[in-house]
Amino acid sequence: MKKLILVTSPPACGKTFISKQLAKALNHVVYLDKDTLIPLSKQIFAVAHQPYDRSSAFFQQNIRDYEYDCVLALAMEALDYDDIVLINAPFTQEVRDNAFIADLKAKLAAKGWDYEDMARQLSATYRQAARENHALLAEVGQRFYDLSPTHPLYAADGVHPNEAGTQLAAEVIAKTLLTHKELTP
């Protein structure tokens, strides 16, 4: 069965570490990291005589979405040749964008793949990896995924959580820790 795995979270949350560990544990996986496109983005800034700033309006208007389009196009093409593609990228705006999700589902369905089944399998894989490594899994991302269509959880920048998102993350982590009291002093 073909699988497209998106490892998503805001920047600096450990996506690369988790992604690489997961990729090593899987057989026949194509690993794609959106950060690989940074040298190309830097060149676009240079050619446009713009200061390199990935938070700038120039980046948002002229580069950001194309990076995601490119990495997804590479993933779809790779899935024609291998069974599993893992993308390491924030996808912070995309995972909350119903039109993006609908488009991704349509692209996957056109290839005969089921988005919801892939999402369930990815969650199961995370849980299995946590069990096998005797690690706790605070399913913050799953809660954000479940609630973000009906609850505003992100700050105006579309990347970082707002106060409600931070509260939700803290509650999920606290519940996970308190459920496993043997870990608390």
N, C-alpha and C. Protein backbone atom coordinates (compact mmCIF):
# COMPACT_ATOMS: atom_id res chain seq x y z
N MET A 1 0.83 -1.18 0.00
CA MET A 1 0.00 0.00 0.00
C MET A 1 0.88 1.25 0.00
N LYS A 2 0.52 2.22 -0.80
CA LYS A 2 1.23 3.49 -0.89
C LYS A 2 0.92 4.34 0.33
N LYS A 3 1.94 5.03 0.84
CA LYS A 3 1.75 5.90 2.01
C LYS A 3 2.48 7.20 1.80
N LEU A 4 1.79 8.29 2.04
CA LEU A 4 2.40 9.62 2.08
C LEU A 4 2.34 10.05 3.53
N ILE A 5 3.51 10.21 4.14
CA ILE A 5 3.59 10.58 5.55
C ILE A 5 4.05 12.02 5.63
N LEU A 6 3.25 12.87 6.26
CA LEU A 6 3.62 14.26 6.49
C LEU A 6 3.96 14.40 7.97
N VAL A 7 5.21 14.72 8.27
CA VAL A 7 5.59 14.99 9.65
C VAL A 7 5.56 16.51 9.78
N THR A 8 4.58 16.99 10.54
CA THR A 8 4.32 18.42 10.61
C THR A 8 4.37 18.91 12.05
N SER A 9 4.75 20.14 12.21
CA SER A 9 4.69 20.86 13.48
C SER A 9 5.30 22.22 13.23
N PRO A 10 5.09 23.15 14.15
CA PRO A 10 5.76 24.45 13.99
C PRO A 10 7.29 24.26 13.96
N PRO A 11 8.00 25.24 13.44
CA PRO A 11 9.47 25.14 13.40
C PRO A 11 10.08 24.90 14.77
N ALA A 12 11.19 24.21 14.78
CA ALA A 12 12.01 23.98 15.98
C ALA A 12 11.32 23.12 17.03
N CYS A 13 10.50 22.16 16.60
CA CYS A 13 9.81 21.26 17.53
C CYS A 13 10.35 19.84 17.47
N GLY A 14 11.37 19.58 16.67
CA GLY A 14 11.94 18.25 16.60
C GLY A 14 11.50 17.42 15.41
N LYS A 15 10.89 18.05 14.41
CA LYS A 15 10.42 17.32 13.23
C LYS A 15 11.54 16.55 12.55
N THR A 16 12.69 17.19 12.37
CA THR A 16 13.77 16.55 11.63
C THR A 16 14.27 15.31 12.36
N PHE A 17 14.44 15.40 13.66
CA PHE A 17 14.89 14.24 14.43
C PHE A 17 13.89 13.10 14.31
N ILE A 18 12.62 13.40 14.55
CA ILE A 18 11.56 12.38 14.48
C ILE A 18 11.47 11.82 13.06
N SER A 19 11.50 12.71 12.07
CA SER A 19 11.38 12.28 10.67
C SER A 19 12.49 11.33 10.28
N LYS A 20 13.71 11.68 10.64
CA LYS A 20 14.84 10.83 10.26
C LYS A 20 14.80 9.49 10.99
N GLN A 21 14.40 9.49 12.25
CA GLN A 21 14.27 8.23 12.98
C GLN A 21 13.19 7.35 12.35
N LEU A 22 12.06 7.97 12.02
CA LEU A 22 10.97 7.23 11.39
C LEU A 22 11.41 6.70 10.03
N ALA A 23 12.09 7.51 9.24
CA ALA A 23 12.54 7.08 7.92
C ALA A 23 13.51 5.90 8.02
N LYS A 24 14.38 5.94 9.03
CA LYS A 24 15.33 4.83 9.22
C LYS A 24 14.60 3.54 9.59
N ALA A 25 13.49 3.67 10.31
CA ALA A 25 12.76 2.49 10.76
C ALA A 25 11.88 1.88 9.67
N LEU A 26 11.59 2.64 8.63
CA LEU A 26 10.72 2.15 7.56
C LEU A 26 11.54 1.54 6.43
N ASN A 27 10.94 0.63 5.72
CA ASN A 27 11.58 0.03 4.55
C ASN A 27 11.14 0.76 3.29
N HIS A 28 12.05 0.97 2.38
CA HIS A 28 11.75 1.58 1.08
C HIS A 28 11.01 2.89 1.23
N VAL A 29 11.64 3.84 1.88
CA VAL A 29 11.02 5.15 2.08
C VAL A 29 11.83 6.21 1.33
N VAL A 30 11.11 7.13 0.73
CA VAL A 30 11.74 8.31 0.13
C VAL A 30 11.57 9.42 1.16
N TYR A 31 12.69 9.99 1.60
CA TYR A 31 12.68 11.05 2.61
C TYR A 31 12.85 12.40 1.92
N LEU A 32 11.89 13.30 2.13
CA LEU A 32 11.96 14.65 1.58
C LEU A 32 11.87 15.66 2.71
N ASP A 33 12.81 16.58 2.74
CA ASP A 33 12.84 17.64 3.75
C ASP A 33 12.69 18.97 3.03
N LYS A 34 11.65 19.72 3.36
CA LYS A 34 11.42 20.99 2.67
C LYS A 34 12.60 21.93 2.83
N ASP A 35 13.35 21.81 3.92
CA ASP A 35 14.51 22.68 4.12
C ASP A 35 15.58 22.48 3.05
N THR A 36 15.53 21.38 2.33
CA THR A 36 16.46 21.16 1.23
C THR A 36 16.30 22.25 0.17
N LEU A 37 15.12 22.87 0.11
CA LEU A 37 14.86 23.92 -0.87
C LEU A 37 15.40 25.29 -0.44
N ILE A 38 15.93 25.41 0.75
CA ILE A 38 16.40 26.71 1.24
C ILE A 38 17.47 27.33 0.33
N PRO A 39 18.46 26.56 -0.17
CA PRO A 39 19.43 27.20 -1.07
C PRO A 39 18.77 27.82 -2.31
N LEU A 40 17.76 27.17 -2.85
CA LEU A 40 17.04 27.73 -3.99
C LEU A 40 16.31 29.01 -3.57
N SER A 41 15.68 28.99 -2.41
CA SER A 41 14.99 30.18 -1.90
C SER A 41 15.96 31.33 -1.70
N LYS A 42 17.13 31.03 -1.17
CA LYS A 42 18.14 32.09 -0.98
C LYS A 42 18.53 32.71 -2.31
N GLN A 43 18.63 31.88 -3.34
CA GLN A 43 18.97 32.40 -4.67
C GLN A 43 17.86 33.30 -5.20
N ILE A 44 16.62 32.94 -4.95
CA ILE A 44 15.50 33.78 -5.39
C ILE A 44 15.56 35.14 -4.69
N PHE A 45 15.83 35.14 -3.39
CA PHE A 45 16.00 36.40 -2.67
C PHE A 45 17.11 37.23 -3.31
N ALA A 46 18.24 36.59 -3.60
CA ALA A 46 19.39 37.31 -4.17
C ALA A 46 19.06 37.90 -5.54
N VAL A 47 18.45 37.09 -6.40
CA VAL A 47 18.11 37.56 -7.74
C VAL A 47 17.10 38.71 -7.68
N ALA A 48 16.22 38.67 -6.71
CA ALA A 48 15.21 39.71 -6.55
C ALA A 48 15.73 40.92 -5.77
N HIS A 49 17.00 40.86 -5.36
CA HIS A 49 17.62 41.94 -4.57
C HIS A 49 16.84 42.22 -3.30
N GLN A 50 16.44 41.14 -2.65
CA GLN A 50 15.70 41.22 -1.38
C GLN A 50 16.57 40.64 -0.27
N PRO A 51 16.49 41.20 0.92
CA PRO A 51 17.23 40.59 2.04
C PRO A 51 16.64 39.21 2.36
N TYR A 52 17.51 38.29 2.73
CA TYR A 52 17.04 36.94 3.05
C TYR A 52 16.28 36.98 4.37
N ASP A 53 14.98 36.75 4.29
CA ASP A 53 14.12 36.79 5.47
C ASP A 53 12.90 35.92 5.20
N ARG A 54 12.89 34.73 5.78
CA ARG A 54 11.80 33.78 5.54
C ARG A 54 10.51 34.17 6.27
N SER A 55 10.54 35.28 7.01
CA SER A 55 9.33 35.80 7.64
C SER A 55 8.78 37.00 6.89
N SER A 56 9.44 37.40 5.82
CA SER A 56 9.07 38.62 5.10
C SER A 56 7.84 38.42 4.23
N ALA A 57 7.25 39.55 3.87
CA ALA A 57 6.12 39.53 2.93
C ALA A 57 6.59 39.00 1.58
N PHE A 58 7.82 39.33 1.18
CA PHE A 58 8.35 38.84 -0.10
C PHE A 58 8.36 37.31 -0.11
N PHE A 59 8.84 36.70 0.98
CA PHE A 59 8.87 35.24 1.06
C PHE A 59 7.45 34.68 0.98
N GLN A 60 6.55 35.25 1.76
CA GLN A 60 5.17 34.77 1.80
C GLN A 60 4.50 34.87 0.42
N GLN A 61 4.76 35.94 -0.31
CA GLN A 61 4.10 36.18 -1.58
C GLN A 61 4.75 35.45 -2.75
N ASN A 62 6.06 35.22 -2.68
CA ASN A 62 6.79 34.74 -3.87
C ASN A 62 7.49 33.40 -3.74
N ILE A 63 7.59 32.87 -2.53
CA ILE A 63 8.40 31.65 -2.37
C ILE A 63 7.67 30.56 -1.59
N ARG A 64 7.10 30.90 -0.45
CA ARG A 64 6.60 29.90 0.50
C ARG A 64 5.73 28.83 -0.14
N ASP A 65 4.65 29.24 -0.78
CA ASP A 65 3.71 28.25 -1.34
C ASP A 65 4.35 27.40 -2.42
N TYR A 66 5.28 27.99 -3.17
CA TYR A 66 5.97 27.22 -4.23
C TYR A 66 6.87 26.14 -3.63
N GLU A 67 7.45 26.41 -2.46
CA GLU A 67 8.24 25.36 -1.80
C GLU A 67 7.35 24.17 -1.46
N TYR A 68 6.18 24.43 -0.91
CA TYR A 68 5.26 23.34 -0.58
C TYR A 68 4.77 22.63 -1.84
N ASP A 69 4.42 23.40 -2.86
CA ASP A 69 3.98 22.79 -4.13
C ASP A 69 5.07 21.87 -4.68
N CYS A 70 6.31 22.34 -4.62
CA CYS A 70 7.43 21.57 -5.16
C CYS A 70 7.64 20.27 -4.38
N VAL A 71 7.67 20.35 -3.06
CA VAL A 71 7.93 19.14 -2.27
C VAL A 71 6.78 18.15 -2.41
N LEU A 72 5.56 18.64 -2.52
CA LEU A 72 4.42 17.73 -2.73
C LEU A 72 4.45 17.10 -4.12
N ALA A 73 4.84 17.88 -5.13
CA ALA A 73 4.95 17.32 -6.48
C ALA A 73 6.03 16.24 -6.52
N LEU A 74 7.14 16.49 -5.86
CA LEU A 74 8.20 15.47 -5.78
C LEU A 74 7.68 14.22 -5.08
N ALA A 75 6.92 14.41 -4.01
CA ALA A 75 6.38 13.27 -3.27
C ALA A 75 5.42 12.45 -4.13
N MET A 76 4.52 13.12 -4.83
CA MET A 76 3.56 12.40 -5.68
C MET A 76 4.28 11.61 -6.77
N GLU A 77 5.30 12.23 -7.35
CA GLU A 77 6.06 11.51 -8.38
C GLU A 77 6.82 10.34 -7.77
N ALA A 78 7.42 10.53 -6.60
CA ALA A 78 8.16 9.45 -5.95
C ALA A 78 7.25 8.27 -5.62
N LEU A 79 6.00 8.56 -5.27
CA LEU A 79 5.06 7.48 -4.95
C LEU A 79 4.72 6.62 -6.16
N ASP A 80 5.00 7.12 -7.34
CA ASP A 80 4.82 6.29 -8.54
C ASP A 80 5.88 5.19 -8.60
N TYR A 81 6.99 5.37 -7.85
CA TYR A 81 8.12 4.45 -7.94
C TYR A 81 8.44 3.72 -6.65
N ASP A 82 7.93 4.21 -5.53
CA ASP A 82 8.18 3.56 -4.25
C ASP A 82 6.91 3.60 -3.42
N ASP A 83 6.88 2.84 -2.32
CA ASP A 83 5.66 2.69 -1.54
C ASP A 83 5.43 3.76 -0.49
N ILE A 84 6.50 4.34 0.03
CA ILE A 84 6.36 5.27 1.15
C ILE A 84 7.17 6.53 0.86
N VAL A 85 6.54 7.68 1.03
CA VAL A 85 7.24 8.95 0.98
C VAL A 85 6.95 9.68 2.28
N LEU A 86 8.00 10.16 2.91
CA LEU A 86 7.89 10.91 4.16
C LEU A 86 8.36 12.33 3.89
N ILE A 87 7.50 13.30 4.18
CA ILE A 87 7.86 14.71 4.01
C ILE A 87 8.01 15.33 5.39
N ASN A 88 9.15 15.96 5.61
CA ASN A 88 9.43 16.71 6.83
C ASN A 88 9.27 18.19 6.49
N ALA A 89 8.17 18.79 6.96
CA ALA A 89 7.89 20.20 6.68
C ALA A 89 6.84 20.70 7.66
N PRO A 90 6.88 21.97 8.02
CA PRO A 90 5.89 22.47 8.99
C PRO A 90 4.43 22.29 8.56
N PHE A 91 4.09 22.61 7.33
CA PHE A 91 2.69 22.54 6.86
C PHE A 91 1.73 23.22 7.84
N THR A 92 2.20 24.26 8.54
CA THR A 92 1.39 24.86 9.61
C THR A 92 0.11 25.51 9.09
N GLN A 93 0.19 26.15 7.94
CA GLN A 93 -1.03 26.74 7.37
C GLN A 93 -1.86 25.69 6.65
N GLU A 94 -1.19 24.79 5.97
CA GLU A 94 -1.87 23.82 5.12
C GLU A 94 -2.75 22.85 5.91
N VAL A 95 -2.28 22.39 7.07
CA VAL A 95 -3.05 21.39 7.81
C VAL A 95 -4.36 21.95 8.35
N ARG A 96 -4.49 23.27 8.36
CA ARG A 96 -5.73 23.91 8.81
C ARG A 96 -6.56 24.45 7.66
N ASP A 97 -6.10 24.25 6.45
CA ASP A 97 -6.76 24.78 5.27
C ASP A 97 -7.60 23.68 4.62
N ASN A 98 -8.91 23.79 4.78
CA ASN A 98 -9.81 22.75 4.26
C ASN A 98 -9.65 22.56 2.76
N ALA A 99 -9.40 23.64 2.02
CA ALA A 99 -9.22 23.52 0.57
C ALA A 99 -7.94 22.74 0.25
N PHE A 100 -6.87 23.00 1.01
CA PHE A 100 -5.62 22.27 0.80
C PHE A 100 -5.83 20.78 1.07
N ILE A 101 -6.48 20.47 2.19
CA ILE A 101 -6.72 19.06 2.55
C ILE A 101 -7.59 18.39 1.49
N ALA A 102 -8.62 19.09 1.05
CA ALA A 102 -9.50 18.52 0.01
C ALA A 102 -8.73 18.26 -1.28
N ASP A 103 -7.85 19.20 -1.65
CA ASP A 103 -7.04 19.03 -2.86
C ASP A 103 -6.08 17.86 -2.71
N LEU A 104 -5.45 17.75 -1.54
CA LEU A 104 -4.53 16.64 -1.30
C LEU A 104 -5.27 15.31 -1.34
N LYS A 105 -6.44 15.27 -0.72
CA LYS A 105 -7.25 14.05 -0.76
C LYS A 105 -7.61 13.68 -2.19
N ALA A 106 -7.97 14.69 -3.00
CA ALA A 106 -8.33 14.43 -4.40
C ALA A 106 -7.13 13.90 -5.18
N LYS A 107 -5.96 14.48 -4.95
CA LYS A 107 -4.75 14.01 -5.63
C LYS A 107 -4.44 12.56 -5.25
N LEU A 108 -4.58 12.26 -3.97
CA LEU A 108 -4.33 10.89 -3.51
C LEU A 108 -5.38 9.93 -4.07
N ALA A 109 -6.64 10.35 -4.05
CA ALA A 109 -7.71 9.50 -4.57
C ALA A 109 -7.53 9.22 -6.06
N ALA A 110 -7.05 10.22 -6.79
CA ALA A 110 -6.81 10.03 -8.23
C ALA A 110 -5.76 8.95 -8.47
N LYS A 111 -4.89 8.75 -7.49
CA LYS A 111 -3.87 7.70 -7.61
C LYS A 111 -4.33 6.41 -6.93
N GLY A 112 -5.57 6.42 -6.38
CA GLY A 112 -6.11 5.23 -5.75
C GLY A 112 -5.74 5.08 -4.29
N TRP A 113 -5.35 6.18 -3.65
CA TRP A 113 -4.95 6.12 -2.24
C TRP A 113 -5.97 6.81 -1.37
N ASP A 114 -6.04 6.41 -0.11
CA ASP A 114 -7.03 6.91 0.84
C ASP A 114 -6.34 7.75 1.90
N TYR A 115 -6.61 9.06 1.90
CA TYR A 115 -6.00 10.00 2.84
C TYR A 115 -6.30 9.61 4.29
N GLU A 116 -7.57 9.37 4.59
CA GLU A 116 -7.96 9.07 5.98
C GLU A 116 -7.27 7.80 6.47
N ASP A 117 -7.17 6.79 5.60
CA ASP A 117 -6.49 5.56 5.97
C ASP A 117 -5.01 5.82 6.25
N MET A 118 -4.39 6.66 5.42
CA MET A 118 -2.98 6.99 5.65
C MET A 118 -2.81 7.72 6.98
N ALA A 119 -3.72 8.65 7.28
CA ALA A 119 -3.64 9.39 8.54
C ALA A 119 -3.78 8.43 9.73
N ARG A 120 -4.72 7.49 9.65
CA ARG A 120 -4.89 6.51 10.74
C ARG A 120 -3.63 5.65 10.89
N GLN A 121 -3.08 5.21 9.76
CA GLN A 121 -1.88 4.37 9.82
C GLN A 121 -0.69 5.14 10.39
N LEU A 122 -0.58 6.42 10.04
CA LEU A 122 0.52 7.22 10.58
C LEU A 122 0.38 7.35 12.09
N SER A 123 -0.82 7.62 12.57
CA SER A 123 -1.05 7.71 14.01
C SER A 123 -0.71 6.38 14.69
N ALA A 124 -1.11 5.29 14.08
CA ALA A 124 -0.80 3.97 14.63
C ALA A 124 0.71 3.74 14.66
N THR A 125 1.42 4.21 13.63
CA THR A 125 2.87 4.05 13.59
C THR A 125 3.53 4.85 14.70
N TYR A 126 3.07 6.07 14.93
CA TYR A 126 3.60 6.87 16.05
C TYR A 126 3.38 6.15 17.37
N ARG A 127 2.18 5.62 17.56
CA ARG A 127 1.89 4.91 18.82
C ARG A 127 2.77 3.67 18.97
N GLN A 128 2.94 2.94 17.88
CA GLN A 128 3.79 1.75 17.92
C GLN A 128 5.23 2.13 18.23
N ALA A 129 5.74 3.18 17.60
CA ALA A 129 7.11 3.62 17.86
C ALA A 129 7.28 4.02 19.32
N ALA A 130 6.29 4.69 19.87
CA ALA A 130 6.36 5.08 21.28
C ALA A 130 6.39 3.83 22.18
N ARG A 131 5.53 2.86 21.87
CA ARG A 131 5.51 1.62 22.67
C ARG A 131 6.85 0.89 22.58
N GLU A 132 7.34 0.72 21.36
CA GLU A 132 8.58 -0.03 21.15
C GLU A 132 9.80 0.64 21.80
N ASN A 133 9.73 1.95 21.95
CA ASN A 133 10.85 2.69 22.54
C ASN A 133 10.58 3.10 23.98
N HIS A 134 9.50 2.57 24.54
CA HIS A 134 9.14 2.87 25.92
C HIS A 134 9.09 4.38 26.14
N ALA A 135 8.47 5.07 25.19
CA ALA A 135 8.38 6.52 25.22
C ALA A 135 6.93 6.95 25.36
N LEU A 136 6.75 8.10 25.95
CA LEU A 136 5.41 8.67 26.02
C LEU A 136 5.11 9.37 24.70
N LEU A 137 3.84 9.38 24.35
CA LEU A 137 3.41 10.09 23.16
C LEU A 137 2.29 11.04 23.56
N ALA A 138 2.60 12.33 23.55
CA ALA A 138 1.59 13.35 23.81
C ALA A 138 1.06 13.76 22.44
N GLU A 139 -0.15 13.37 22.14
CA GLU A 139 -0.69 13.55 20.79
C GLU A 139 -1.24 14.96 20.57
N VAL A 140 -0.34 15.94 20.72
CA VAL A 140 -0.70 17.34 20.53
C VAL A 140 -1.12 17.59 19.09
N GLY A 141 -0.34 17.09 18.15
CA GLY A 141 -0.66 17.29 16.74
C GLY A 141 -2.03 16.75 16.37
N GLN A 142 -2.37 15.58 16.91
CA GLN A 142 -3.69 15.00 16.63
C GLN A 142 -4.80 15.87 17.18
N ARG A 143 -4.61 16.41 18.38
CA ARG A 143 -5.63 17.28 18.96
C ARG A 143 -5.78 18.57 18.15
N PHE A 144 -4.64 19.13 17.70
CA PHE A 144 -4.71 20.31 16.85
C PHE A 144 -5.47 19.97 15.56
N TYR A 145 -5.15 18.83 14.96
CA TYR A 145 -5.80 18.40 13.72
C TYR A 145 -7.30 18.26 13.94
N ASP A 146 -7.68 17.64 15.05
CA ASP A 146 -9.09 17.41 15.34
C ASP A 146 -9.85 18.71 15.59
N LEU A 147 -9.21 19.65 16.30
CA LEU A 147 -9.93 20.85 16.74
C LEU A 147 -9.75 22.08 15.87
N SER A 148 -8.67 22.16 15.10
CA SER A 148 -8.40 23.41 14.38
C SER A 148 -9.47 23.81 13.36
N PRO A 149 -10.24 22.88 12.77
CA PRO A 149 -11.30 23.36 11.87
C PRO A 149 -12.39 24.17 12.58
N THR A 150 -12.57 23.94 13.87
CA THR A 150 -13.64 24.63 14.59
C THR A 150 -13.15 25.54 15.70
N HIS A 151 -11.85 25.47 16.01
CA HIS A 151 -11.28 26.29 17.09
C HIS A 151 -10.05 27.03 16.56
N PRO A 152 -9.99 28.34 16.76
CA PRO A 152 -8.78 29.07 16.35
C PRO A 152 -7.63 28.75 17.31
N LEU A 153 -6.63 28.04 16.82
CA LEU A 153 -5.52 27.59 17.67
C LEU A 153 -4.17 28.21 17.29
N TYR A 154 -4.15 28.98 16.22
CA TYR A 154 -2.88 29.54 15.73
C TYR A 154 -2.87 31.05 15.83
N ALA A 155 -1.67 31.60 16.06
CA ALA A 155 -1.47 33.05 16.10
C ALA A 155 -1.62 33.63 14.69
N ALA A 156 -1.58 34.93 14.61
CA ALA A 156 -1.77 35.62 13.32
C ALA A 156 -0.74 35.21 12.28
N ASP A 157 0.46 34.77 12.72
CA ASP A 157 1.48 34.38 11.74
C ASP A 157 1.17 33.05 11.07
N GLY A 158 0.15 32.33 11.57
CA GLY A 158 -0.25 31.06 10.97
C GLY A 158 0.69 29.92 11.24
N VAL A 159 1.70 30.14 12.06
CA VAL A 159 2.71 29.13 12.34
C VAL A 159 2.69 28.73 13.81
N HIS A 160 2.74 29.71 14.66
CA HIS A 160 2.83 29.45 16.10
C HIS A 160 1.44 29.37 16.72
N PRO A 161 1.32 28.62 17.81
CA PRO A 161 0.01 28.55 18.45
C PRO A 161 -0.33 29.87 19.14
N ASN A 162 -1.63 30.18 19.17
CA ASN A 162 -2.08 31.33 19.94
C ASN A 162 -2.23 30.88 21.40
N GLU A 163 -2.81 31.71 22.22
CA GLU A 163 -2.96 31.36 23.64
C GLU A 163 -3.79 30.09 23.81
N ALA A 164 -4.87 29.97 23.05
CA ALA A 164 -5.71 28.77 23.15
C ALA A 164 -4.95 27.53 22.68
N GLY A 165 -4.15 27.67 21.62
CA GLY A 165 -3.35 26.55 21.13
C GLY A 165 -2.28 26.13 22.13
N THR A 166 -1.65 27.13 22.75
CA THR A 166 -0.64 26.84 23.77
C THR A 166 -1.28 26.13 24.95
N GLN A 167 -2.46 26.60 25.35
CA GLN A 167 -3.19 25.98 26.45
C GLN A 167 -3.54 24.53 26.11
N LEU A 168 -4.02 24.32 24.89
CA LEU A 168 -4.37 22.96 24.46
C LEU A 168 -3.14 22.06 24.50
N ALA A 169 -2.02 22.53 23.96
CA ALA A 169 -0.79 21.72 23.96
C ALA A 169 -0.37 21.39 25.38
N ALA A 170 -0.41 22.38 26.27
CA ALA A 170 -0.04 22.15 27.67
C ALA A 170 -0.96 21.13 28.33
N GLU A 171 -2.26 21.21 28.04
CA GLU A 171 -3.21 20.27 28.62
C GLU A 171 -2.96 18.84 28.14
N VAL A 172 -2.69 18.68 26.85
CA VAL A 172 -2.43 17.34 26.30
C VAL A 172 -1.15 16.77 26.91
N ILE A 173 -0.11 17.58 27.00
CA ILE A 173 1.15 17.12 27.58
C ILE A 173 0.97 16.80 29.06
N ALA A 174 0.29 17.68 29.79
CA ALA A 174 0.07 17.44 31.22
C ALA A 174 -0.74 16.16 31.44
N LYS A 175 -1.78 15.96 30.66
CA LYS A 175 -2.59 14.76 30.79
C LYS A 175 -1.75 13.51 30.53
N THR A 176 -0.89 13.58 29.51
CA THR A 176 -0.03 12.45 29.20
C THR A 176 0.90 12.16 30.37
N LEU A 177 1.51 13.19 30.91
CA LEU A 177 2.43 12.99 32.03
C LEU A 177 1.71 12.51 33.29
N LEU A 178 0.57 13.09 33.58
CA LEU A 178 -0.17 12.70 34.78
C LEU A 178 -0.75 11.30 34.68
N THR A 179 -1.01 10.86 33.48
CA THR A 179 -1.50 9.49 33.26
C THR A 179 -0.41 8.48 33.58
N HIS A 180 0.83 8.92 33.48
CA HIS A 180 2.00 8.06 33.75
C HIS A 180 2.73 8.58 34.97
N LYS A 181 2.09 8.46 36.14
CA LYS A 181 2.62 9.01 37.39
C LYS A 181 3.96 8.42 37.79
N GLU A 182 4.28 7.23 37.27
CA GLU A 182 5.55 6.64 37.63
C GLU A 182 6.73 7.47 37.13
N LEU A 183 6.47 8.39 36.22
CA LEU A 183 7.53 9.24 35.69
C LEU A 183 7.72 10.53 36.48
N THR A 184 6.74 10.87 37.32
CA THR A 184 6.84 12.12 38.06
C THR A 184 7.52 11.87 39.41
N PRO A 185 8.31 12.84 39.89
CA PRO A 185 9.03 12.64 41.17
C PRO A 185 8.11 12.55 42.36
